[in-house]
Amino acid sequence: MEDFRFHDLRHTWASWLIQSGVPLSVLQEMGGWESIEMVRRYAHLGAEPPDRTRTEN
């Protein structure tokens, strides 16, 4: 596996938890981040995907 870093695992783990609905404060504690701002880097991953079936009027 080329260009693999430990951070890639951490990023995947945090992303999965956010997508599962884990609160940012809980993820912060679990991941050991000192500031919530660091956790918020992953917050966009918890947003609902756009509804691609909706048509514009």
N, C-alpha and C. Protein backbone atom coordinates (compact mmCIF):
# COMPACT_ATOMS: atom_id res chain seq x y z
N MET A 1 0.85 -1.16 0.00
CA MET A 1 0.00 0.00 0.00
C MET A 1 0.91 1.24 0.00
N GLU A 2 0.76 2.06 -1.01
CA GLU A 2 1.58 3.25 -1.11
C GLU A 2 0.88 4.45 -0.48
N ASP A 3 1.68 5.37 0.00
CA ASP A 3 1.17 6.63 0.55
C ASP A 3 0.14 6.43 1.67
N PHE A 4 0.30 5.38 2.45
CA PHE A 4 -0.61 5.12 3.57
C PHE A 4 0.00 5.71 4.83
N ARG A 5 -0.83 6.40 5.60
CA ARG A 5 -0.38 6.99 6.86
C ARG A 5 -1.34 6.59 7.98
N PHE A 6 -0.83 6.58 9.20
CA PHE A 6 -1.69 6.27 10.34
C PHE A 6 -2.87 7.24 10.38
N HIS A 7 -2.63 8.48 10.00
CA HIS A 7 -3.69 9.49 10.00
C HIS A 7 -4.86 9.05 9.12
N ASP A 8 -4.60 8.30 8.07
CA ASP A 8 -5.68 7.83 7.20
C ASP A 8 -6.66 6.95 7.98
N LEU A 9 -6.15 6.12 8.86
CA LEU A 9 -7.03 5.29 9.70
C LEU A 9 -7.83 6.16 10.67
N ARG A 10 -7.16 7.11 11.27
CA ARG A 10 -7.82 8.01 12.22
C ARG A 10 -8.91 8.82 11.52
N HIS A 11 -8.62 9.29 10.33
CA HIS A 11 -9.60 10.06 9.56
C HIS A 11 -10.82 9.19 9.22
N THR A 12 -10.58 7.97 8.78
CA THR A 12 -11.67 7.06 8.44
C THR A 12 -12.52 6.76 9.68
N TRP A 13 -11.87 6.47 10.77
CA TRP A 13 -12.56 6.18 12.03
C TRP A 13 -13.45 7.35 12.44
N ALA A 14 -12.89 8.57 12.44
CA ALA A 14 -13.67 9.75 12.83
C ALA A 14 -14.82 9.99 11.86
N SER A 15 -14.56 9.79 10.59
CA SER A 15 -15.60 10.00 9.57
C SER A 15 -16.77 9.05 9.77
N TRP A 16 -16.46 7.78 10.03
CA TRP A 16 -17.53 6.80 10.24
C TRP A 16 -18.36 7.14 11.47
N LEU A 17 -17.70 7.57 12.54
CA LEU A 17 -18.44 7.91 13.75
C LEU A 17 -19.34 9.12 13.53
N ILE A 18 -18.83 10.12 12.84
CA ILE A 18 -19.65 11.31 12.54
C ILE A 18 -20.85 10.91 11.70
N GLN A 19 -20.63 10.09 10.69
CA GLN A 19 -21.72 9.67 9.82
C GLN A 19 -22.73 8.81 10.57
N SER A 20 -22.30 8.19 11.66
CA SER A 20 -23.20 7.37 12.48
C SER A 20 -23.96 8.20 13.50
N GLY A 21 -23.67 9.49 13.55
CA GLY A 21 -24.40 10.37 14.45
C GLY A 21 -23.77 10.60 15.81
N VAL A 22 -22.53 10.20 15.98
CA VAL A 22 -21.86 10.42 17.27
C VAL A 22 -21.65 11.93 17.45
N PRO A 23 -22.04 12.48 18.60
CA PRO A 23 -21.85 13.91 18.84
C PRO A 23 -20.37 14.30 18.79
N LEU A 24 -20.10 15.51 18.31
CA LEU A 24 -18.72 15.98 18.19
C LEU A 24 -17.99 15.98 19.52
N SER A 25 -18.69 16.31 20.60
CA SER A 25 -18.05 16.33 21.92
C SER A 25 -17.61 14.93 22.35
N VAL A 26 -18.39 13.93 22.00
CA VAL A 26 -18.04 12.55 22.33
C VAL A 26 -16.84 12.12 21.49
N LEU A 27 -16.88 12.45 20.20
CA LEU A 27 -15.76 12.11 19.33
C LEU A 27 -14.48 12.80 19.79
N GLN A 28 -14.60 14.04 20.24
CA GLN A 28 -13.44 14.78 20.74
C GLN A 28 -12.79 14.03 21.89
N GLU A 29 -13.61 13.57 22.81
CA GLU A 29 -13.08 12.84 23.97
C GLU A 29 -12.47 11.50 23.55
N MET A 30 -13.16 10.78 22.68
CA MET A 30 -12.68 9.48 22.23
C MET A 30 -11.36 9.60 21.46
N GLY A 31 -11.25 10.65 20.64
CA GLY A 31 -10.07 10.82 19.80
C GLY A 31 -8.93 11.58 20.46
N GLY A 32 -9.21 12.17 21.60
CA GLY A 32 -8.16 12.88 22.32
C GLY A 32 -7.80 14.24 21.75
N TRP A 33 -8.71 14.84 20.96
CA TRP A 33 -8.45 16.17 20.44
C TRP A 33 -8.60 17.18 21.56
N GLU A 34 -7.72 18.16 21.61
CA GLU A 34 -7.78 19.19 22.65
C GLU A 34 -8.85 20.23 22.37
N SER A 35 -9.13 20.48 21.10
CA SER A 35 -10.11 21.51 20.77
C SER A 35 -11.20 20.95 19.86
N ILE A 36 -12.39 21.49 20.02
CA ILE A 36 -13.52 21.06 19.20
C ILE A 36 -13.31 21.48 17.75
N GLU A 37 -12.50 22.53 17.53
CA GLU A 37 -12.22 22.98 16.16
C GLU A 37 -11.56 21.88 15.34
N MET A 38 -10.70 21.11 15.97
CA MET A 38 -10.05 20.01 15.25
C MET A 38 -11.07 18.95 14.84
N VAL A 39 -12.04 18.70 15.70
CA VAL A 39 -13.07 17.70 15.40
C VAL A 39 -14.00 18.22 14.31
N ARG A 40 -14.23 19.51 14.30
CA ARG A 40 -15.14 20.09 13.31
C ARG A 40 -14.63 19.91 11.88
N ARG A 41 -13.38 19.60 11.71
CA ARG A 41 -12.85 19.33 10.36
C ARG A 41 -13.57 18.15 9.71
N TYR A 42 -14.12 17.29 10.54
CA TYR A 42 -14.82 16.12 10.04
C TYR A 42 -16.33 16.33 9.99
N ALA A 43 -16.82 17.41 10.56
CA ALA A 43 -18.26 17.62 10.73
C ALA A 43 -19.00 17.66 9.41
N HIS A 44 -18.38 18.15 8.36
CA HIS A 44 -19.07 18.22 7.07
C HIS A 44 -19.44 16.83 6.55
N LEU A 45 -18.77 15.82 7.07
CA LEU A 45 -19.04 14.45 6.62
C LEU A 45 -20.35 13.92 7.17
N GLY A 46 -20.88 14.55 8.21
CA GLY A 46 -22.13 14.11 8.79
C GLY A 46 -23.35 14.72 8.13
N ALA A 47 -23.13 15.64 7.23
CA ALA A 47 -24.25 16.30 6.56
C ALA A 47 -24.96 15.32 5.64
N GLU A 48 -26.24 15.53 5.50
CA GLU A 48 -27.03 14.69 4.60
C GLU A 48 -26.53 14.87 3.17
N PRO A 49 -26.43 13.79 2.41
CA PRO A 49 -26.06 13.95 1.01
C PRO A 49 -27.16 14.67 0.25
N PRO A 50 -26.81 15.40 -0.79
CA PRO A 50 -27.86 16.10 -1.54
C PRO A 50 -28.86 15.13 -2.14
N ASP A 51 -30.11 15.55 -2.21
CA ASP A 51 -31.16 14.72 -2.80
C ASP A 51 -31.08 14.86 -4.31
N ARG A 52 -30.48 13.89 -4.94
CA ARG A 52 -30.25 13.96 -6.39
C ARG A 52 -31.51 13.61 -7.19
N THR A 53 -32.57 13.15 -6.51
CA THR A 53 -33.80 12.82 -7.23
C THR A 53 -34.71 14.04 -7.38
N ARG A 54 -34.45 15.06 -6.60
CA ARG A 54 -35.27 16.28 -6.66
C ARG A 54 -34.96 17.05 -7.95
N THR A 55 -35.98 17.55 -8.58
CA THR A 55 -35.77 18.32 -9.81
C THR A 55 -36.00 19.79 -9.53
N GLU A 56 -35.31 20.62 -10.24
CA GLU A 56 -35.47 22.06 -10.11
C GLU A 56 -36.72 22.49 -10.84
N ASN A 57 -37.47 23.41 -10.30
CA ASN A 57 -38.68 23.94 -10.95
C ASN A 57 -38.37 25.26 -11.61
